[in-house]
Amino acid sequence: MNSNPNSFDLFERYLQAVRKHLPAERQDDIVAELRANLEAQREEREAALGRPLTEGEVIDWLKELGPPFQMAARYQPPRYLIGPAIFPVYWRVLRVVLVLSTVVYVIANVALALAQNHDASWVAKVVFGWPSFLVVPAAWVTITFIVLEFFAERYPEKCGEFFAWSSCWSPTSLPPLEKEYPAGKKPRSLTSVAAEFVVEFAVLLWLLLIPRHPFLLLGPGAVILENAPFHFAPVVYVFYYGVVAFSAIQFIWHGYEILTNRWRTRGPVVKLVTKALGLVPSLILFTAPGHVYLVPNPDGSGHLPEGLNLAGANHGIYAGVSVLVCIVVIQFLWELWKTMSAGGHQSSAVQP
């Protein structure tokens, strides 16, 4: 029997969603076993009907199976405080609470960084204090679900309504199929994504502290620059705020990926947008009026030291910026070409 292509797509999307809630080391084996079991169930239904299941019938069948995280819970190792029926819900709620708590923590400390003077030790204290800050909300969520597990075991008839929302999900809401990865390439791990998130948080704080504490960027050179006969041109400050905006967008977007469980892969559109946004700070410098990046210090005597040629220095900076822009543009065009090529191959593959 030939299955409806749309129903086959739903079935594969369901298995893909289940995979994301399984232990990484056993995903392939469990999905293979689950696929065989579900295909056998589907064949029995189709044999009883004498025809392939329609898309609507597949949707009803998948709803009977339950949400992907509940299906995956059957293959999870034993839990002692929080059972497999509740643990997927606990994990989702915990992830949401931790991400939202991180957002609040970042906003509060960014506001402090902008309103008050702080040194490098404060940045380190904020970054390393982040995990301890998350302990409290994580503990409250865990305690809440331990209590729920306790009552669910002893009074299951009274907890049914709490989990009734899980039957309201629709298979049509499942995310689309992701591309298969070539040998040697695997989706990102949660550990690496969390590490990126923490590093981006630290970098954003560091950038925000640079205007008040230039030594964080220039080191001892900050004292020399303060008394130098030249200063940065306004375009350099515009470039700085462009970098801050780019870093903030990246940080917010990665937090959104963790919150929505989309951290395993990055689609081609996201990569293109990231490359395009990365171009903006470089283009700000490249299009500087008159290609001027250093100007005489208005508080100085107006005389530059012998041998210091600002025109030559600006020309050298412009040459370096031009090389940087070329590299970033090439990277963007290469990513665009790969995306268009992949789209072309997919289009030709579906043509008869």
Protein backbone atom coordinates (compact mmCIF):
# COMPACT_ATOMS: atom_id res chain seq x y z
CA MET A 1 0.00 0.00 0.00
CA ASN A 2 1.22 3.46 -0.85
CA SER A 3 0.96 5.87 2.03
CA ASN A 4 -0.13 9.46 1.70
CA PRO A 5 3.03 11.63 1.42
CA ASN A 6 1.64 14.14 3.93
CA SER A 7 0.88 11.41 6.47
CA PHE A 8 4.37 9.95 6.01
CA ASP A 9 5.82 13.40 6.65
CA LEU A 10 3.82 13.70 9.89
CA PHE A 11 5.04 10.28 11.01
CA GLU A 12 8.69 11.21 10.40
CA ARG A 13 8.24 14.56 12.14
CA TYR A 14 6.79 12.75 15.15
CA LEU A 15 9.79 10.41 15.36
CA GLN A 16 12.14 13.37 14.99
CA ALA A 17 10.41 15.16 17.88
CA VAL A 18 10.62 12.02 20.05
CA ARG A 19 14.34 11.70 19.30
CA LYS A 20 15.03 15.14 20.79
CA HIS A 21 13.77 13.96 24.20
CA LEU A 22 15.82 10.74 24.26
CA PRO A 23 19.25 10.10 25.83
CA ALA A 24 21.85 11.06 23.21
CA GLU A 25 23.77 7.77 23.45
CA ARG A 26 20.66 5.64 22.75
CA GLN A 27 18.72 7.79 20.30
CA ASP A 28 19.40 5.72 17.17
CA ASP A 29 18.55 2.38 18.79
CA ILE A 30 15.40 3.64 20.48
CA VAL A 31 14.10 5.43 17.37
CA ALA A 32 14.73 2.31 15.25
CA GLU A 33 12.79 0.18 17.74
CA LEU A 34 9.99 2.74 18.00
CA ARG A 35 9.79 3.09 14.21
CA ALA A 36 9.37 -0.68 13.79
CA ASN A 37 6.66 -0.83 16.46
CA LEU A 38 4.71 2.13 15.10
CA GLU A 39 4.98 0.97 11.49
CA ALA A 40 3.56 -2.39 12.56
CA GLN A 41 0.66 -0.61 14.27
CA ARG A 42 0.06 1.48 11.19
CA GLU A 43 0.06 -1.56 8.90
CA GLU A 44 -2.49 -3.26 11.15
CA ARG A 45 -4.80 -0.23 10.94
CA GLU A 46 -4.41 -0.01 7.18
CA ALA A 47 -5.02 -3.77 6.78
CA ALA A 48 -8.21 -3.47 8.83
CA LEU A 49 -9.40 -0.57 6.66
CA GLY A 50 -8.20 -2.07 3.39
CA ARG A 51 -6.55 1.20 2.38
CA PRO A 52 -3.79 3.60 3.49
CA LEU A 53 -4.56 5.91 6.39
CA THR A 54 -5.62 9.41 5.40
CA GLU A 55 -3.81 12.43 6.79
CA GLY A 56 -6.63 13.07 9.24
CA GLU A 57 -6.53 9.46 10.46
CA VAL A 58 -2.77 9.68 10.97
CA ILE A 59 -3.27 12.86 13.00
CA ASP A 60 -5.83 11.10 15.20
CA TRP A 61 -3.51 8.09 15.62
CA LEU A 62 -0.53 10.25 16.62
CA LYS A 63 -2.72 12.11 19.13
CA GLU A 64 -3.61 8.74 20.65
CA LEU A 65 0.10 7.97 21.01
CA GLY A 66 0.55 11.18 22.98
CA PRO A 67 2.96 14.11 22.74
CA PRO A 68 6.53 13.22 21.71
CA PHE A 69 7.96 14.01 25.15
CA GLN A 70 5.53 11.56 26.77
CA MET A 71 6.42 8.86 24.25
CA ALA A 72 10.11 9.46 24.94
CA ALA A 73 9.50 9.27 28.69
CA ARG A 74 8.82 5.53 28.35
CA TYR A 75 12.43 5.03 27.32
CA GLN A 76 13.99 7.27 29.95
CA PRO A 77 16.04 5.73 32.79
CA PRO A 78 14.24 5.40 36.15
CA ARG A 79 13.70 8.59 38.13
CA TYR A 80 13.51 8.44 41.91
CA LEU A 81 12.14 11.84 42.90
CA ILE A 82 10.33 12.69 39.66
CA GLY A 83 8.85 9.82 37.65
CA PRO A 84 9.04 9.35 33.85
CA ALA A 85 5.45 10.50 33.34
CA ILE A 86 6.15 13.90 34.86
CA PHE A 87 9.86 14.31 34.17
CA PRO A 88 9.49 15.58 30.54
CA VAL A 89 7.10 18.29 31.75
CA TYR A 90 9.48 19.12 34.60
CA TRP A 91 12.41 19.39 32.19
CA ARG A 92 10.53 21.73 29.86
CA VAL A 93 9.32 23.96 32.70
CA LEU A 94 12.79 24.01 34.26
CA ARG A 95 14.38 25.05 30.97
CA VAL A 96 11.87 27.87 30.52
CA VAL A 97 12.35 29.10 34.09
CA LEU A 98 16.15 29.02 33.81
CA VAL A 99 16.16 30.95 30.53
CA LEU A 100 13.72 33.57 31.82
CA SER A 101 15.72 33.89 35.06
CA THR A 102 18.87 34.38 33.00
CA VAL A 103 17.18 37.11 30.98
CA VAL A 104 16.16 38.91 34.19
CA TYR A 105 19.69 38.50 35.58
CA VAL A 106 21.24 39.91 32.40
CA ILE A 107 18.87 42.88 32.19
CA ALA A 108 19.47 43.76 35.85
CA ASN A 109 23.26 43.59 35.55
CA VAL A 110 23.36 45.41 32.22
CA ALA A 111 21.37 48.20 33.86
CA LEU A 112 23.90 48.28 36.72
CA ALA A 113 26.78 48.32 34.25
CA LEU A 114 25.31 51.35 32.52
CA ALA A 115 24.31 53.24 35.67
CA GLN A 116 27.34 52.69 37.91
CA ASN A 117 31.09 52.43 37.73
CA HIS A 118 32.44 48.90 38.04
CA ASP A 119 35.81 47.26 37.59
CA ALA A 120 36.90 43.98 36.02
CA SER A 121 36.41 42.07 39.28
CA TRP A 122 32.71 43.01 39.17
CA VAL A 123 32.39 41.43 35.71
CA ALA A 124 33.98 38.23 36.98
CA LYS A 125 31.70 38.26 40.03
CA VAL A 126 28.59 38.67 37.86
CA VAL A 127 29.60 35.93 35.41
CA PHE A 128 30.59 33.39 38.06
CA GLY A 129 27.59 34.36 40.20
CA TRP A 130 25.17 33.43 37.44
CA PRO A 131 25.02 29.67 38.27
CA SER A 132 24.40 30.33 41.96
CA PHE A 133 21.63 32.78 41.02
CA LEU A 134 19.89 30.01 39.04
CA VAL A 135 20.01 27.58 41.97
CA VAL A 136 17.02 29.19 43.73
CA PRO A 137 14.49 29.09 40.82
CA ALA A 138 15.72 25.61 39.86
CA ALA A 139 15.21 24.43 43.43
CA TRP A 140 11.67 25.80 43.60
CA VAL A 141 10.70 24.17 40.29
CA THR A 142 12.20 20.86 41.42
CA ILE A 143 10.44 20.95 44.78
CA THR A 144 7.13 21.74 43.07
CA PHE A 145 7.41 18.71 40.77
CA ILE A 146 8.53 16.44 43.59
CA VAL A 147 5.30 17.37 45.37
CA LEU A 148 3.33 16.75 42.17
CA GLU A 149 4.97 13.34 41.80
CA PHE A 150 4.05 12.53 45.40
CA PHE A 151 0.38 13.37 44.87
CA ALA A 152 0.26 11.79 41.41
CA GLU A 153 1.34 8.44 42.88
CA ARG A 154 -1.09 8.55 45.80
CA TYR A 155 -4.06 10.38 44.27
CA PRO A 156 -3.91 9.71 40.50
CA GLU A 157 -7.64 10.37 40.06
CA LYS A 158 -7.21 13.96 41.29
CA CYS A 159 -4.20 14.76 39.10
CA GLY A 160 -5.74 13.78 35.79
CA GLU A 161 -6.93 17.28 35.03
CA PHE A 162 -3.42 18.67 35.56
CA PHE A 163 -2.06 16.53 32.72
CA ALA A 164 -5.13 16.83 30.51
CA TRP A 165 -3.48 19.64 28.57
CA SER A 166 -1.11 17.11 27.02
CA SER A 167 -3.99 15.65 25.00
CA CYS A 168 -4.67 19.02 23.41
CA TRP A 169 -1.48 19.03 21.35
CA SER A 170 -1.74 18.58 17.59
CA PRO A 171 0.68 16.62 15.35
CA THR A 172 0.37 19.43 12.81
CA SER A 173 2.30 21.64 15.23
CA LEU A 174 5.37 19.39 15.02
CA PRO A 175 8.47 21.16 13.65
CA PRO A 176 9.42 20.39 10.02
CA LEU A 177 11.93 17.69 9.22
CA GLU A 178 15.55 18.68 9.63
CA LYS A 179 18.18 17.81 7.08
CA GLU A 180 20.32 14.74 7.65
CA TYR A 181 23.88 15.35 8.72
CA PRO A 182 26.84 14.02 6.74
CA ALA A 183 29.21 11.60 8.42
CA GLY A 184 31.31 13.32 11.04
CA LYS A 185 28.86 16.19 11.51
CA LYS A 186 26.45 16.09 14.42
CA PRO A 187 23.97 18.54 15.96
CA ARG A 188 25.27 20.78 18.70
CA SER A 189 25.19 19.47 22.24
CA LEU A 190 23.36 21.26 25.04
CA THR A 191 26.68 21.64 26.87
CA SER A 192 28.27 23.55 24.00
CA VAL A 193 25.16 25.72 23.52
CA ALA A 194 25.06 26.57 27.24
CA ALA A 195 28.78 27.41 27.14
CA GLU A 196 28.20 29.73 24.17
CA PHE A 197 25.34 31.38 26.03
CA VAL A 198 27.48 32.06 29.10
CA VAL A 199 30.39 33.38 27.00
CA GLU A 200 28.06 35.71 25.08
CA PHE A 201 26.70 36.99 28.39
CA ALA A 202 30.25 37.71 29.62
CA VAL A 203 31.23 39.40 26.34
CA LEU A 204 28.14 41.61 26.40
CA LEU A 205 28.90 42.78 29.94
CA TRP A 206 32.55 43.34 29.01
CA LEU A 207 31.56 45.47 26.02
CA LEU A 208 29.17 47.57 28.09
CA LEU A 209 31.89 48.34 30.64
CA ILE A 210 34.50 49.46 28.10
CA PRO A 211 33.33 53.13 27.82
CA ARG A 212 33.73 53.64 31.59
CA HIS A 213 36.78 51.40 31.90
CA PRO A 214 38.83 51.51 28.65
CA PHE A 215 41.60 49.46 30.28
CA LEU A 216 39.36 46.39 29.85
CA LEU A 217 40.09 46.69 26.13
CA LEU A 218 43.37 48.61 25.91
CA GLY A 219 45.04 47.61 29.14
CA PRO A 220 47.82 50.08 30.13
CA GLY A 221 47.31 51.73 26.74
CA ALA A 222 44.12 53.32 28.11
CA VAL A 223 46.20 55.76 30.18
CA ILE A 224 48.32 56.61 27.15
CA LEU A 225 45.24 57.14 24.98
CA GLU A 226 43.66 59.44 27.58
CA ASN A 227 46.66 61.78 27.40
CA ALA A 228 47.40 61.25 23.71
CA PRO A 229 47.36 64.16 21.25
CA PHE A 230 44.64 62.38 19.26
CA HIS A 231 41.26 60.80 19.97
CA PHE A 232 38.92 58.43 18.21
CA ALA A 233 36.61 59.95 15.61
CA PRO A 234 32.82 59.71 16.21
CA VAL A 235 32.53 56.85 13.72
CA VAL A 236 34.51 54.61 16.08
CA TYR A 237 31.87 55.08 18.77
CA VAL A 238 29.12 54.29 16.26
CA PHE A 239 31.06 51.13 15.39
CA TYR A 240 31.25 50.24 19.09
CA TYR A 241 27.50 50.52 19.57
CA GLY A 242 26.99 48.44 16.41
CA VAL A 243 29.12 45.68 17.94
CA VAL A 244 27.16 45.92 21.21
CA ALA A 245 23.86 45.66 19.31
CA PHE A 246 25.12 42.66 17.33
CA SER A 247 26.28 40.91 20.52
CA ALA A 248 22.95 41.62 22.24
CA ILE A 249 20.97 40.23 19.28
CA GLN A 250 23.07 37.07 19.27
CA PHE A 251 22.63 36.62 23.01
CA ILE A 252 18.85 37.12 22.84
CA TRP A 253 18.49 34.82 19.84
CA HIS A 254 20.46 31.99 21.45
CA GLY A 255 18.34 32.36 24.58
CA TYR A 256 15.25 32.03 22.37
CA GLU A 257 16.71 28.89 20.77
CA ILE A 258 17.25 27.28 24.17
CA LEU A 259 13.81 28.34 25.34
CA THR A 260 12.07 26.87 22.26
CA ASN A 261 14.28 23.75 22.05
CA ARG A 262 15.75 24.81 18.68
CA TRP A 263 19.36 24.82 19.80
CA ARG A 264 20.43 21.58 18.10
CA THR A 265 20.61 23.04 14.61
CA ARG A 266 20.78 26.40 12.93
CA GLY A 267 18.88 26.82 9.71
CA PRO A 268 20.41 28.47 6.65
CA VAL A 269 18.26 31.58 7.08
CA VAL A 270 19.59 32.12 10.62
CA LYS A 271 23.17 31.72 9.39
CA LEU A 272 22.59 34.20 6.56
CA VAL A 273 21.02 36.75 8.88
CA THR A 274 23.92 36.36 11.34
CA LYS A 275 26.47 36.91 8.58
CA ALA A 276 24.50 39.92 7.29
CA LEU A 277 24.31 41.49 10.76
CA GLY A 278 28.03 40.85 11.20
CA LEU A 279 28.63 43.00 8.14
CA VAL A 280 27.03 46.09 9.69
CA PRO A 281 29.79 47.10 12.17
CA SER A 282 32.47 46.60 9.52
CA LEU A 283 30.54 48.66 6.99
CA ILE A 284 30.18 51.46 9.55
CA LEU A 285 33.97 51.77 9.66
CA PHE A 286 34.36 51.25 5.92
CA THR A 287 31.97 54.11 5.12
CA ALA A 288 33.50 56.53 7.65
CA PRO A 289 33.38 60.14 6.34
CA GLY A 290 36.73 60.86 4.74
CA HIS A 291 38.02 57.53 6.12
CA VAL A 292 38.96 59.35 9.31
CA TYR A 293 39.26 57.27 12.47
CA LEU A 294 41.70 59.34 14.54
CA VAL A 295 41.38 63.08 15.09
CA PRO A 296 43.52 65.59 17.01
CA ASN A 297 42.71 65.90 20.70
CA PRO A 298 40.65 69.11 21.10
CA ASP A 299 42.00 69.50 24.64
CA GLY A 300 45.61 69.31 23.48
CA SER A 301 47.90 71.96 22.20
CA GLY A 302 46.92 71.19 18.64
CA HIS A 303 50.48 70.11 17.76
CA LEU A 304 51.15 66.47 17.02
CA PRO A 305 54.46 64.89 18.05
CA GLU A 306 57.14 64.78 15.39
CA GLY A 307 56.82 61.69 13.23
CA LEU A 308 53.12 61.16 13.98
CA ASN A 309 51.11 61.37 10.78
CA LEU A 310 47.38 61.04 11.42
CA ALA A 311 46.62 60.94 7.69
CA GLY A 312 48.93 57.96 7.29
CA ALA A 313 47.50 56.27 10.38
CA ASN A 314 43.95 56.74 9.11
CA HIS A 315 44.96 55.38 5.71
CA GLY A 316 46.46 52.29 7.36
CA ILE A 317 43.33 51.72 9.45
CA TYR A 318 41.19 52.10 6.33
CA ALA A 319 43.29 49.50 4.52
CA GLY A 320 42.83 47.07 7.41
CA VAL A 321 39.09 47.75 7.53
CA SER A 322 38.86 47.14 3.77
CA VAL A 323 40.48 43.72 4.15
CA LEU A 324 38.11 42.90 7.02
CA VAL A 325 35.06 43.90 4.98
CA CYS A 326 36.25 41.78 2.05
CA ILE A 327 36.61 38.74 4.31
CA VAL A 328 33.15 39.21 5.86
CA VAL A 329 31.52 39.78 2.45
CA ILE A 330 33.17 36.65 1.04
CA GLN A 331 31.93 34.64 4.02
CA PHE A 332 28.41 35.99 3.51
CA LEU A 333 28.44 35.24 -0.24
CA TRP A 334 29.79 31.75 0.42
CA GLU A 335 26.99 31.07 2.92
CA LEU A 336 24.44 32.48 0.45
CA TRP A 337 25.79 30.28 -2.34
CA LYS A 338 25.64 27.15 -0.15
CA THR A 339 22.05 27.95 0.84
CA MET A 340 20.96 28.53 -2.75
CA SER A 341 22.75 25.38 -3.92
CA ALA A 342 21.11 23.28 -1.21
CA GLY A 343 17.71 24.74 -2.14
CA GLY A 344 18.32 23.96 -5.82
CA HIS A 345 19.25 20.35 -5.07
CA GLN A 346 16.13 19.90 -2.95
CA SER A 347 13.91 21.37 -5.70
CA SER A 348 15.40 19.09 -8.37
CA ALA A 349 15.06 16.09 -6.07
CA VAL A 350 11.28 16.46 -5.77
CA GLN A 351 10.71 16.93 -9.50
CA PRO A 352 9.52 13.77 -11.35
